Amino acid sequence: MPILLLEGILLMAMIAIAISIIVGRKLLSATIIYCAFSLAAMILYTIAGAADVAFTEAIIGTISTVYFIIAIKSIRKSSLKSDGENNISDDISEREEDGK
């Protein structure tokens, strides 16, 4: 009976985690919460006796979380560069208009 209760708690936690991922506004926090979802799924698979699936979930969850974080960081860097370039070109065009 205690294992059934633990499985129920983990399933409810996974539902709550999934809702918080969907509702969350920031990509980085959603990625970290996704890692928690993967951890809860891994524990649930281990309790169910599927050690091979739990191991696969741990590997895939870790790798995908790292890739998501790298992608978010690279998107932010590229958007900062493009914003900086746009601001410089706007400044130059404003200076040219003032000089006319």
Protein backbone atom coordinates (compact mmCIF):
# COMPACT_ATOMS: atom_id res chain seq x y z
CA MET A 1 0.00 0.00 0.00
CA PRO A 2 2.77 2.56 0.72
CA ILE A 3 4.21 2.03 -2.78
CA LEU A 4 0.82 2.71 -4.32
CA LEU A 5 0.60 5.92 -2.29
CA LEU A 6 4.09 6.96 -3.43
CA GLU A 7 3.15 6.28 -7.05
CA GLY A 8 0.03 8.43 -6.65
CA ILE A 9 2.04 11.26 -5.15
CA LEU A 10 4.57 11.07 -7.97
CA LEU A 11 1.84 11.09 -10.60
CA MET A 12 0.21 14.13 -9.01
CA ALA A 13 3.61 15.82 -8.84
CA MET A 14 4.18 15.09 -12.52
CA ILE A 15 0.81 16.64 -13.40
CA ALA A 16 1.62 19.73 -11.33
CA ILE A 17 5.07 19.98 -12.91
CA ALA A 18 3.60 19.68 -16.42
CA ILE A 19 1.07 22.44 -15.69
CA SER A 20 3.80 24.70 -14.30
CA ILE A 21 5.89 24.13 -17.45
CA ILE A 22 2.95 25.11 -19.65
CA VAL A 23 2.00 28.15 -17.58
CA GLY A 24 5.55 29.39 -16.99
CA ARG A 25 6.64 32.50 -18.82
CA LYS A 26 10.43 32.11 -18.81
CA LEU A 27 12.18 29.54 -20.96
CA LEU A 28 15.05 28.88 -18.57
CA SER A 29 12.79 28.20 -15.61
CA ALA A 30 10.61 25.92 -17.77
CA THR A 31 13.73 24.00 -18.74
CA ILE A 32 14.74 23.50 -15.12
CA ILE A 33 11.21 22.42 -14.23
CA TYR A 34 11.35 19.98 -17.16
CA CYS A 35 14.40 18.45 -15.48
CA ALA A 36 12.29 17.92 -12.35
CA PHE A 37 9.63 16.23 -14.49
CA SER A 38 12.26 13.89 -15.88
CA LEU A 39 13.46 13.09 -12.36
CA ALA A 40 9.94 12.29 -11.18
CA ALA A 41 9.38 10.05 -14.21
CA MET A 42 12.66 8.27 -13.54
CA ILE A 43 11.68 7.58 -9.92
CA LEU A 44 8.25 6.37 -11.03
CA TYR A 45 9.80 3.98 -13.56
CA THR A 46 12.20 2.68 -10.92
CA ILE A 47 9.35 1.99 -8.50
CA ALA A 48 7.42 0.21 -11.27
CA GLY A 49 10.41 -2.10 -11.80
CA ALA A 50 11.51 -0.80 -15.17
CA ALA A 51 15.12 -0.02 -14.39
CA ASP A 52 16.14 0.09 -18.06
CA VAL A 53 13.45 2.65 -18.86
CA ALA A 54 14.41 4.66 -15.77
CA PHE A 55 18.04 4.69 -16.86
CA THR A 56 17.08 5.79 -20.36
CA GLU A 57 14.85 8.54 -18.94
CA ALA A 58 17.71 9.78 -16.77
CA ILE A 59 20.10 9.95 -19.71
CA ILE A 60 17.63 11.52 -22.15
CA GLY A 61 16.35 13.96 -19.52
CA THR A 62 19.84 15.13 -18.64
CA ILE A 63 21.03 15.47 -22.22
CA SER A 64 17.91 17.28 -23.40
CA THR A 65 18.01 19.68 -20.44
CA VAL A 66 21.62 20.56 -21.21
CA TYR A 67 20.81 21.07 -24.90
CA PHE A 68 17.81 23.26 -24.06
CA ILE A 69 19.91 25.45 -21.78
CA ILE A 70 22.65 25.79 -24.41
CA ALA A 71 20.06 26.70 -27.04
CA ILE A 72 18.42 29.30 -24.79
CA LYS A 73 21.78 30.88 -23.99
CA SER A 74 22.82 31.00 -27.65
CA ILE A 75 19.48 32.53 -28.67
CA ARG A 76 19.88 35.21 -26.04
CA LYS A 77 23.42 35.99 -27.20
CA SER A 78 22.38 36.25 -30.84
CA SER A 79 19.37 38.43 -29.98
CA LEU A 80 21.59 40.74 -27.95
CA LYS A 81 23.99 41.03 -30.88
CA SER A 82 21.20 41.78 -33.36
CA ASP A 83 19.63 44.32 -30.97
CA GLY A 84 22.99 46.03 -30.61
CA GLU A 85 23.46 46.16 -34.37
CA ASN A 86 19.97 47.60 -34.85
CA ASN A 87 20.59 50.25 -32.22
CA ILE A 88 23.87 51.25 -33.86
CA SER A 89 22.26 51.52 -37.31
CA ASP A 90 19.37 53.53 -35.81
CA ASP A 91 21.86 55.90 -34.16
CA ILE A 92 23.75 56.36 -37.42
CA SER A 93 20.57 57.05 -39.40
CA GLU A 94 19.40 59.56 -36.77
CA ARG A 95 22.74 61.36 -36.94
CA GLU A 96 22.57 61.50 -40.73
CA GLU A 97 19.06 62.97 -40.57
CA ASP A 98 20.17 65.58 -38.03
CA GLY A 99 23.08 66.58 -40.26
CA LYS A 100 20.84 67.27 -43.26
